[in-house]
Structure formats: structure tokens, C-alpha cells
Amino acid sequence: MQIYRGLRGLVGTNNSLGKGFSWTLLRSQDEDPLDPKLMEVDKELLAEQNIKLSIALSVMQECFRPMIDPRTKVDVIAHALYNRG
């Protein structure tokens, strides 16, 4: 629970690394038309987060070799980045 609270406290916070670089922890906001809470999600914010995640994935793929799960044959980096089970 302590890790969860710590990470939730970092979501959306801009963290400077110096020399013009920074990082921000994003939280996946899956859309589920049957969930009324998610119907209220700001579509513009959702689009912005998806663009940022797409760019982050491109950087990760450029900088690191794929980490393929031997059982499922999927790239673990993409699944971790998009918080997929």
C-alpha cells in the first residue's frame, strides 16, 4: 500500500532532471463505455496522455532491445509502458 500511495502521489507531477530534461509519471485511463466513472474522463487529457505514451514507447524502442516474453512472444516493454496485464 505504501508503494501505491507513493506512486499515486507522483502521477502528473513534472520532475526536473536538469539540462532541460524532465519526466512525468502517467496513469493509464482505459476507456470502458459501461463504466460511468470513465465516461467523465476528459477526452482531451486522454488523447494527450496517449500521445505522450506513444512517444515514450518510441524512445524506449530506440534505446533498448526488445524484451520478448518467451511464453507469450510479446514485447514486455510495451506492456509495462501501457500498463497492460
PDB file of N, CA and C in Angstrom:
ATOM      1  N   MET A   1       0.822  -1.187   0.000  1.00  0.00           N
ATOM      2  CA  MET A   1       0.000   0.000   0.000  1.00  0.00           C
ATOM      3  C   MET A   1       0.869   1.256   0.000  1.00  0.00           C
ATOM      4  N   GLN A   2       2.003   1.209   0.643  1.00  0.00           N
ATOM      5  CA  GLN A   2       2.903   2.352   0.703  1.00  0.00           C
ATOM      6  C   GLN A   2       3.449   2.694  -0.686  1.00  0.00           C
ATOM      7  N   ILE A   3       3.788   1.685  -1.478  1.00  0.00           N
ATOM      8  CA  ILE A   3       4.274   1.908  -2.842  1.00  0.00           C
ATOM      9  C   ILE A   3       3.169   2.525  -3.686  1.00  0.00           C
ATOM     10  N   TYR A   4       1.947   2.002  -3.556  1.00  0.00           N
ATOM     11  CA  TYR A   4       0.803   2.526  -4.299  1.00  0.00           C
ATOM     12  C   TYR A   4       0.609   4.013  -3.996  1.00  0.00           C
ATOM     13  N   ARG A   5       0.595   4.366  -2.722  1.00  0.00           N
ATOM     14  CA  ARG A   5       0.406   5.774  -2.339  1.00  0.00           C
ATOM     15  C   ARG A   5       1.543   6.646  -2.868  1.00  0.00           C
ATOM     16  N   GLY A   6       2.765   6.139  -2.789  1.00  0.00           N
ATOM     17  CA  GLY A   6       3.906   6.902  -3.284  1.00  0.00           C
ATOM     18  C   GLY A   6       3.811   7.163  -4.776  1.00  0.00           C
ATOM     19  N   LEU A   7       3.455   6.134  -5.544  1.00  0.00           N
ATOM     20  CA  LEU A   7       3.320   6.294  -6.990  1.00  0.00           C
ATOM     21  C   LEU A   7       2.153   7.195  -7.338  1.00  0.00           C
ATOM     22  N   ARG A   8       1.028   7.050  -6.638  1.00  0.00           N
ATOM     23  CA  ARG A   8      -0.139   7.905  -6.905  1.00  0.00           C
ATOM     24  C   ARG A   8       0.202   9.367  -6.658  1.00  0.00           C
ATOM     25  N   GLY A   9       1.081   9.620  -5.685  1.00  0.00           N
ATOM     26  CA  GLY A   9       1.499  10.982  -5.397  1.00  0.00           C
ATOM     27  C   GLY A   9       2.377  11.577  -6.491  1.00  0.00           C
ATOM     28  N   LEU A  10       2.984  10.721  -7.300  1.00  0.00           N
ATOM     29  CA  LEU A  10       3.855  11.183  -8.383  1.00  0.00           C
ATOM     30  C   LEU A  10       3.127  11.383  -9.707  1.00  0.00           C
ATOM     31  N   VAL A  11       1.921  10.833  -9.835  1.00  0.00           N
ATOM     32  CA  VAL A  11       1.183  10.900 -11.097  1.00  0.00           C
ATOM     33  C   VAL A  11       0.926  12.356 -11.474  1.00  0.00           C
ATOM     34  N   GLY A  12       1.343  12.702 -12.689  1.00  0.00           N
ATOM     35  CA  GLY A  12       1.089  14.035 -13.229  1.00  0.00           C
ATOM     36  C   GLY A  12       2.060  15.103 -12.780  1.00  0.00           C
ATOM     37  N   THR A  13       3.015  14.753 -11.921  1.00  0.00           N
ATOM     38  CA  THR A  13       3.983  15.724 -11.420  1.00  0.00           C
ATOM     39  C   THR A  13       5.182  15.790 -12.357  1.00  0.00           C
ATOM     40  N   ASN A  14       5.558  16.997 -12.753  1.00  0.00           N
ATOM     41  CA  ASN A  14       6.719  17.195 -13.612  1.00  0.00           C
ATOM     42  C   ASN A  14       7.973  17.154 -12.742  1.00  0.00           C
ATOM     43  N   ASN A  15       8.885  16.220 -13.026  1.00  0.00           N
ATOM     44  CA  ASN A  15      10.107  16.039 -12.251  1.00  0.00           C
ATOM     45  C   ASN A  15      11.307  16.419 -13.105  1.00  0.00           C
ATOM     46  N   SER A  16      11.986  17.493 -12.710  1.00  0.00           N
ATOM     47  CA  SER A  16      13.115  18.007 -13.485  1.00  0.00           C
ATOM     48  C   SER A  16      14.356  17.142 -13.272  1.00  0.00           C
ATOM     49  N   LEU A  17      15.076  16.891 -14.362  1.00  0.00           N
ATOM     50  CA  LEU A  17      16.335  16.152 -14.314  1.00  0.00           C
ATOM     51  C   LEU A  17      17.512  17.078 -14.580  1.00  0.00           C
ATOM     52  N   GLY A  18      17.230  18.344 -14.841  1.00  0.00           N
ATOM     53  CA  GLY A  18      18.278  19.304 -15.158  1.00  0.00           C
ATOM     54  C   GLY A  18      18.573  19.314 -16.648  1.00  0.00           C
ATOM     55  N   LYS A  19      19.279  20.333 -17.099  1.00  0.00           N
ATOM     56  CA  LYS A  19      19.664  20.482 -18.505  1.00  0.00           C
ATOM     57  C   LYS A  19      18.467  20.408 -19.456  1.00  0.00           C
ATOM     58  N   GLY A  20      17.301  20.860 -19.000  1.00  0.00           N
ATOM     59  CA  GLY A  20      16.116  20.896 -19.857  1.00  0.00           C
ATOM     60  C   GLY A  20      15.341  19.593 -19.952  1.00  0.00           C
ATOM     61  N   PHE A  21      15.741  18.560 -19.210  1.00  0.00           N
ATOM     62  CA  PHE A  21      15.056  17.271 -19.255  1.00  0.00           C
ATOM     63  C   PHE A  21      14.160  17.108 -18.029  1.00  0.00           C
ATOM     64  N   SER A  22      13.067  16.398 -18.219  1.00  0.00           N
ATOM     65  CA  SER A  22      12.167  16.104 -17.106  1.00  0.00           C
ATOM     66  C   SER A  22      11.417  14.815 -17.402  1.00  0.00           C
ATOM     67  N   TRP A  23      10.741  14.288 -16.389  1.00  0.00           N
ATOM     68  CA  TRP A  23       9.896  13.117 -16.584  1.00  0.00           C
ATOM     69  C   TRP A  23       8.606  13.302 -15.790  1.00  0.00           C
ATOM     70  N   THR A  24       7.556  12.655 -16.290  1.00  0.00           N
ATOM     71  CA  THR A  24       6.251  12.704 -15.648  1.00  0.00           C
ATOM     72  C   THR A  24       5.662  11.303 -15.658  1.00  0.00           C
ATOM     73  N   LEU A  25       5.183  10.863 -14.515  1.00  0.00           N
ATOM     74  CA  LEU A  25       4.526   9.560 -14.414  1.00  0.00           C
ATOM     75  C   LEU A  25       3.075   9.723 -14.838  1.00  0.00           C
ATOM     76  N   LEU A  26       2.656   8.944 -15.830  1.00  0.00           N
ATOM     77  CA  LEU A  26       1.279   8.992 -16.306  1.00  0.00           C
ATOM     78  C   LEU A  26       0.536   7.764 -15.826  1.00  0.00           C
ATOM     79  N   ARG A  27      -0.750   7.903 -15.658  1.00  0.00           N
ATOM     80  CA  ARG A  27      -1.589   6.780 -15.244  1.00  0.00           C
ATOM     81  C   ARG A  27      -2.505   6.410 -16.399  1.00  0.00           C
ATOM     82  N   SER A  28      -2.563   5.129 -16.701  1.00  0.00           N
ATOM     83  CA  SER A  28      -3.424   4.655 -17.776  1.00  0.00           C
ATOM     84  C   SER A  28      -4.874   4.955 -17.436  1.00  0.00           C
ATOM     85  N   GLN A  29      -5.614   5.445 -18.436  1.00  0.00           N
ATOM     86  CA  GLN A  29      -7.027   5.760 -18.255  1.00  0.00           C
ATOM     87  C   GLN A  29      -7.813   5.004 -19.311  1.00  0.00           C
ATOM     88  N   ASP A  30      -7.939   3.706 -19.116  1.00  0.00           N
ATOM     89  CA  ASP A  30      -8.660   2.882 -20.092  1.00  0.00           C
ATOM     90  C   ASP A  30     -10.100   3.355 -20.222  1.00  0.00           C
ATOM     91  N   GLU A  31     -10.578   3.291 -21.434  1.00  0.00           N
ATOM     92  CA  GLU A  31     -11.967   3.662 -21.678  1.00  0.00           C
ATOM     93  C   GLU A  31     -12.841   2.412 -21.639  1.00  0.00           C
ATOM     94  N   ASP A  32     -13.901   2.469 -20.867  1.00  0.00           N
ATOM     95  CA  ASP A  32     -14.872   1.386 -20.790  1.00  0.00           C
ATOM     96  C   ASP A  32     -16.256   2.027 -20.842  1.00  0.00           C
ATOM     97  N   PRO A  33     -16.955   1.893 -21.975  1.00  0.00           N
ATOM     98  CA  PRO A  33     -18.238   2.577 -22.116  1.00  0.00           C
ATOM     99  C   PRO A  33     -19.279   2.161 -21.079  1.00  0.00           C
ATOM    100  N   LEU A  34     -19.064   1.046 -20.402  1.00  0.00           N
ATOM    101  CA  LEU A  34     -20.027   0.597 -19.398  1.00  0.00           C
ATOM    102  C   LEU A  34     -19.735   1.160 -18.015  1.00  0.00           C
ATOM    103  N   ASP A  35     -18.572   1.787 -17.826  1.00  0.00           N
ATOM    104  CA  ASP A  35     -18.182   2.327 -16.530  1.00  0.00           C
ATOM    105  C   ASP A  35     -18.477   3.828 -16.509  1.00  0.00           C
ATOM    106  N   PRO A  36     -19.486   4.268 -15.738  1.00  0.00           N
ATOM    107  CA  PRO A  36     -19.866   5.685 -15.747  1.00  0.00           C
ATOM    108  C   PRO A  36     -18.762   6.611 -15.250  1.00  0.00           C
ATOM    109  N   LYS A  37     -17.878   6.132 -14.352  1.00  0.00           N
ATOM    110  CA  LYS A  37     -16.782   6.976 -13.872  1.00  0.00           C
ATOM    111  C   LYS A  37     -15.843   7.319 -15.012  1.00  0.00           C
ATOM    112  N   LEU A  38     -15.599   6.366 -15.902  1.00  0.00           N
ATOM    113  CA  LEU A  38     -14.671   6.593 -17.002  1.00  0.00           C
ATOM    114  C   LEU A  38     -15.310   7.401 -18.127  1.00  0.00           C
ATOM    115  N   MET A  39     -16.632   7.481 -18.134  1.00  0.00           N
ATOM    116  CA  MET A  39     -17.310   8.296 -19.143  1.00  0.00           C
ATOM    117  C   MET A  39     -16.964   9.764 -18.928  1.00  0.00           C
ATOM    118  N   GLU A  40     -16.631  10.136 -17.672  1.00  0.00           N
ATOM    119  CA  GLU A  40     -16.340  11.517 -17.329  1.00  0.00           C
ATOM    120  C   GLU A  40     -14.896  11.901 -17.644  1.00  0.00           C
ATOM    121  N   VAL A  41     -14.065  10.948 -18.044  1.00  0.00           N
ATOM    122  CA  VAL A  41     -12.663  11.230 -18.322  1.00  0.00           C
ATOM    123  C   VAL A  41     -12.571  12.263 -19.434  1.00  0.00           C
ATOM    124  N   ASP A  42     -11.744  13.256 -19.208  1.00  0.00           N
ATOM    125  CA  ASP A  42     -11.533  14.314 -20.189  1.00  0.00           C
ATOM    126  C   ASP A  42     -10.876  13.704 -21.432  1.00  0.00           C
ATOM    127  N   LYS A  43     -11.598  13.710 -22.539  1.00  0.00           N
ATOM    128  CA  LYS A  43     -11.113  13.089 -23.779  1.00  0.00           C
ATOM    129  C   LYS A  43      -9.836  13.758 -24.276  1.00  0.00           C
ATOM    130  N   GLU A  44      -9.725  15.075 -24.062  1.00  0.00           N
ATOM    131  CA  GLU A  44      -8.531  15.793 -24.485  1.00  0.00           C
ATOM    132  C   GLU A  44      -7.323  15.338 -23.670  1.00  0.00           C
ATOM    133  N   LEU A  45      -7.498  15.180 -22.363  1.00  0.00           N
ATOM    134  CA  LEU A  45      -6.433  14.705 -21.492  1.00  0.00           C
ATOM    135  C   LEU A  45      -6.036  13.283 -21.872  1.00  0.00           C
ATOM    136  N   LEU A  46      -7.009  12.444 -22.153  1.00  0.00           N
ATOM    137  CA  LEU A  46      -6.754  11.066 -22.551  1.00  0.00           C
ATOM    138  C   LEU A  46      -5.927  11.021 -23.840  1.00  0.00           C
ATOM    139  N   ALA A  47      -6.285  11.853 -24.810  1.00  0.00           N
ATOM    140  CA  ALA A  47      -5.546  11.902 -26.068  1.00  0.00           C
ATOM    141  C   ALA A  47      -4.115  12.375 -25.835  1.00  0.00           C
ATOM    142  N   GLU A  48      -3.950  13.396 -24.997  1.00  0.00           N
ATOM    143  CA  GLU A  48      -2.605  13.912 -24.696  1.00  0.00           C
ATOM    144  C   GLU A  48      -1.745  12.842 -24.032  1.00  0.00           C
ATOM    145  N   GLN A  49      -2.322  12.105 -23.086  1.00  0.00           N
ATOM    146  CA  GLN A  49      -1.571  11.055 -22.402  1.00  0.00           C
ATOM    147  C   GLN A  49      -1.199   9.931 -23.366  1.00  0.00           C
ATOM    148  N   ASN A  50      -2.099   9.568 -24.263  1.00  0.00           N
ATOM    149  CA  ASN A  50      -1.798   8.518 -25.232  1.00  0.00           C
ATOM    150  C   ASN A  50      -0.676   8.941 -26.180  1.00  0.00           C
ATOM    151  N   ILE A  51      -0.663  10.219 -26.564  1.00  0.00           N
ATOM    152  CA  ILE A  51       0.425  10.723 -27.416  1.00  0.00           C
ATOM    153  C   ILE A  51       1.749  10.648 -26.673  1.00  0.00           C
ATOM    154  N   LYS A  52       1.751  11.069 -25.401  1.00  0.00           N
ATOM    155  CA  LYS A  52       2.986  11.025 -24.602  1.00  0.00           C
ATOM    156  C   LYS A  52       3.470   9.588 -24.422  1.00  0.00           C
ATOM    157  N   LEU A  53       2.537   8.659 -24.187  1.00  0.00           N
ATOM    158  CA  LEU A  53       2.924   7.256 -24.031  1.00  0.00           C
ATOM    159  C   LEU A  53       3.484   6.696 -25.335  1.00  0.00           C
ATOM    160  N   SER A  54       2.917   7.100 -26.446  1.00  0.00           N
ATOM    161  CA  SER A  54       3.403   6.656 -27.746  1.00  0.00           C
ATOM    162  C   SER A  54       4.824   7.148 -27.991  1.00  0.00           C
ATOM    163  N   ILE A  55       5.079   8.401 -27.648  1.00  0.00           N
ATOM    164  CA  ILE A  55       6.429   8.954 -27.799  1.00  0.00           C
ATOM    165  C   ILE A  55       7.401   8.234 -26.870  1.00  0.00           C
ATOM    166  N   ALA A  56       6.972   7.984 -25.633  1.00  0.00           N
ATOM    167  CA  ALA A  56       7.831   7.269 -24.677  1.00  0.00           C
ATOM    168  C   ALA A  56       8.158   5.875 -25.187  1.00  0.00           C
ATOM    169  N   LEU A  57       7.188   5.198 -25.780  1.00  0.00           N
ATOM    170  CA  LEU A  57       7.441   3.868 -26.336  1.00  0.00           C
ATOM    171  C   LEU A  57       8.455   3.942 -27.471  1.00  0.00           C
ATOM    172  N   SER A  58       8.339   4.951 -28.315  1.00  0.00           N
ATOM    173  CA  SER A  58       9.299   5.122 -29.414  1.00  0.00           C
ATOM    174  C   SER A  58      10.713   5.304 -28.869  1.00  0.00           C
ATOM    175  N   VAL A  59      10.853   6.106 -27.817  1.00  0.00           N
ATOM    176  CA  VAL A  59      12.168   6.327 -27.206  1.00  0.00           C
ATOM    177  C   VAL A  59      12.701   5.024 -26.620  1.00  0.00           C
ATOM    178  N   MET A  60      11.850   4.299 -25.908  1.00  0.00           N
ATOM    179  CA  MET A  60      12.280   3.035 -25.301  1.00  0.00           C
ATOM    180  C   MET A  60      12.705   2.028 -26.369  1.00  0.00           C
ATOM    181  N   GLN A  61      11.956   1.963 -27.469  1.00  0.00           N
ATOM    182  CA  GLN A  61      12.299   1.031 -28.538  1.00  0.00           C
ATOM    183  C   GLN A  61      13.586   1.442 -29.247  1.00  0.00           C
ATOM    184  N   GLU A  62      13.854   2.743 -29.302  1.00  0.00           N
ATOM    185  CA  GLU A  62      15.075   3.235 -29.929  1.00  0.00           C
ATOM    186  C   GLU A  62      16.300   2.980 -29.050  1.00  0.00           C
ATOM    187  N   CYS A  63      16.120   3.054 -27.741  1.00  0.00           N
ATOM    188  CA  CYS A  63      17.245   2.974 -26.813  1.00  0.00           C
ATOM    189  C   CYS A  63      17.524   1.568 -26.278  1.00  0.00           C
ATOM    190  N   PHE A  64      16.546   0.686 -26.330  1.00  0.00           N
ATOM    191  CA  PHE A  64      16.712  -0.641 -25.740  1.00  0.00           C
ATOM    192  C   PHE A  64      16.297  -1.722 -26.723  1.00  0.00           C
ATOM    193  N   ARG A  65      16.912  -2.871 -26.585  1.00  0.00           N
ATOM    194  CA  ARG A  65      16.489  -4.028 -27.382  1.00  0.00           C
ATOM    195  C   ARG A  65      15.148  -4.512 -26.846  1.00  0.00           C
ATOM    196  N   PRO A  66      14.333  -5.116 -27.718  1.00  0.00           N
ATOM    197  CA  PRO A  66      13.045  -5.646 -27.238  1.00  0.00           C
ATOM    198  C   PRO A  66      13.264  -6.717 -26.170  1.00  0.00           C
ATOM    199  N   MET A  67      12.355  -6.747 -25.207  1.00  0.00           N
ATOM    200  CA  MET A  67      12.365  -7.790 -24.178  1.00  0.00           C
ATOM    201  C   MET A  67      11.161  -8.676 -24.459  1.00  0.00           C
ATOM    202  N   ILE A  68      11.382  -9.744 -25.184  1.00  0.00           N
ATOM    203  CA  ILE A  68      10.293 -10.620 -25.605  1.00  0.00           C
ATOM    204  C   ILE A  68      10.049 -11.691 -24.547  1.00  0.00           C
ATOM    205  N   ASP A  69       8.811 -11.779 -24.096  1.00  0.00           N
ATOM    206  CA  ASP A  69       8.431 -12.817 -23.144  1.00  0.00           C
ATOM    207  C   ASP A  69       8.474 -14.149 -23.875  1.00  0.00           C
ATOM    208  N   PRO A  70       9.230 -15.127 -23.351  1.00  0.00           N
ATOM    209  CA  PRO A  70       9.372 -16.396 -24.057  1.00  0.00           C
ATOM    210  C   PRO A  70       8.069 -17.189 -24.194  1.00  0.00           C
ATOM    211  N   ARG A  71       7.146 -16.986 -23.270  1.00  0.00           N
ATOM    212  CA  ARG A  71       5.885 -17.735 -23.306  1.00  0.00           C
ATOM    213  C   ARG A  71       4.872 -17.097 -24.246  1.00  0.00           C
ATOM    214  N   THR A  72       4.690 -15.779 -24.139  1.00  0.00           N
ATOM    215  CA  THR A  72       3.650 -15.111 -24.922  1.00  0.00           C
ATOM    216  C   THR A  72       4.159 -14.497 -26.223  1.00  0.00           C
ATOM    217  N   LYS A  73       5.485 -14.344 -26.322  1.00  0.00           N
ATOM    218  CA  LYS A  73       6.125 -13.752 -27.511  1.00  0.00           C
ATOM    219  C   LYS A  73       5.766 -12.274 -27.715  1.00  0.00           C
ATOM    220  N   VAL A  74       5.399 -11.559 -26.636  1.00  0.00           N
ATOM    221  CA  VAL A  74       5.094 -10.131 -26.741  1.00  0.00           C
ATOM    222  C   VAL A  74       6.237  -9.316 -26.141  1.00  0.00           C
ATOM    223  N   ASP A  75       6.352  -8.073 -26.582  1.00  0.00           N
ATOM    224  CA  ASP A  75       7.375  -7.175 -26.074  1.00  0.00           C
ATOM    225  C   ASP A  75       6.946  -6.666 -24.692  1.00  0.00           C
ATOM    226  N   VAL A  76       7.697  -7.030 -23.677  1.00  0.00           N
ATOM    227  CA  VAL A  76       7.369  -6.678 -22.302  1.00  0.00           C
ATOM    228  C   VAL A  76       7.440  -5.167 -22.081  1.00  0.00           C
ATOM    229  N   ILE A  77       8.330  -4.480 -22.792  1.00  0.00           N
ATOM    230  CA  ILE A  77       8.478  -3.037 -22.621  1.00  0.00           C
ATOM    231  C   ILE A  77       7.164  -2.322 -22.955  1.00  0.00           C
ATOM    232  N   ALA A  78       6.558  -2.666 -24.071  1.00  0.00           N
ATOM    233  CA  ALA A  78       5.297  -2.035 -24.461  1.00  0.00           C
ATOM    234  C   ALA A  78       4.211  -2.332 -23.427  1.00  0.00           C
ATOM    235  N   HIS A  79       4.162  -3.544 -22.945  1.00  0.00           N
ATOM    236  CA  HIS A  79       3.131  -3.906 -21.966  1.00  0.00           C
ATOM    237  C   HIS A  79       3.339  -3.178 -20.654  1.00  0.00           C
ATOM    238  N   ALA A  80       4.593  -3.026 -20.228  1.00  0.00           N
ATOM    239  CA  ALA A  80       4.871  -2.299 -18.992  1.00  0.00           C
ATOM    240  C   ALA A  80       4.544  -0.821 -19.155  1.00  0.00           C
ATOM    241  N   LEU A  81       4.911  -0.254 -20.278  1.00  0.00           N
ATOM    242  CA  LEU A  81       4.684   1.169 -20.525  1.00  0.00           C
ATOM    243  C   LEU A  81       3.200   1.507 -20.559  1.00  0.00           C
ATOM    244  N   TYR A  82       2.415   0.651 -21.196  1.00  0.00           N
ATOM    245  CA  TYR A  82       0.973   0.888 -21.302  1.00  0.00           C
ATOM    246  C   TYR A  82       0.188   0.224 -20.165  1.00  0.00           C
ATOM    247  N   ASN A  83       0.910  -0.333 -19.182  1.00  0.00           N
ATOM    248  CA  ASN A  83       0.280  -0.933 -18.015  1.00  0.00           C
ATOM    249  C   ASN A  83      -0.722  -2.018 -18.396  1.00  0.00           C
ATOM    250  N   ARG A  84      -0.305  -2.879 -19.306  1.00  0.00           N
ATOM    251  CA  ARG A  84      -1.163  -3.988 -19.730  1.00  0.00           C
ATOM    252  C   ARG A  84      -0.836  -5.220 -18.913  1.00  0.00           C
ATOM    253  N   GLY A  85      -1.835  -5.991 -18.603  1.00  0.00           N
ATOM    254  CA  GLY A  85      -1.622  -7.194 -17.799  1.00  0.00           C
ATOM    255  C   GLY A  85      -0.943  -8.303 -18.564  1.00  0.00           C
TER     256      GLY A  85
END
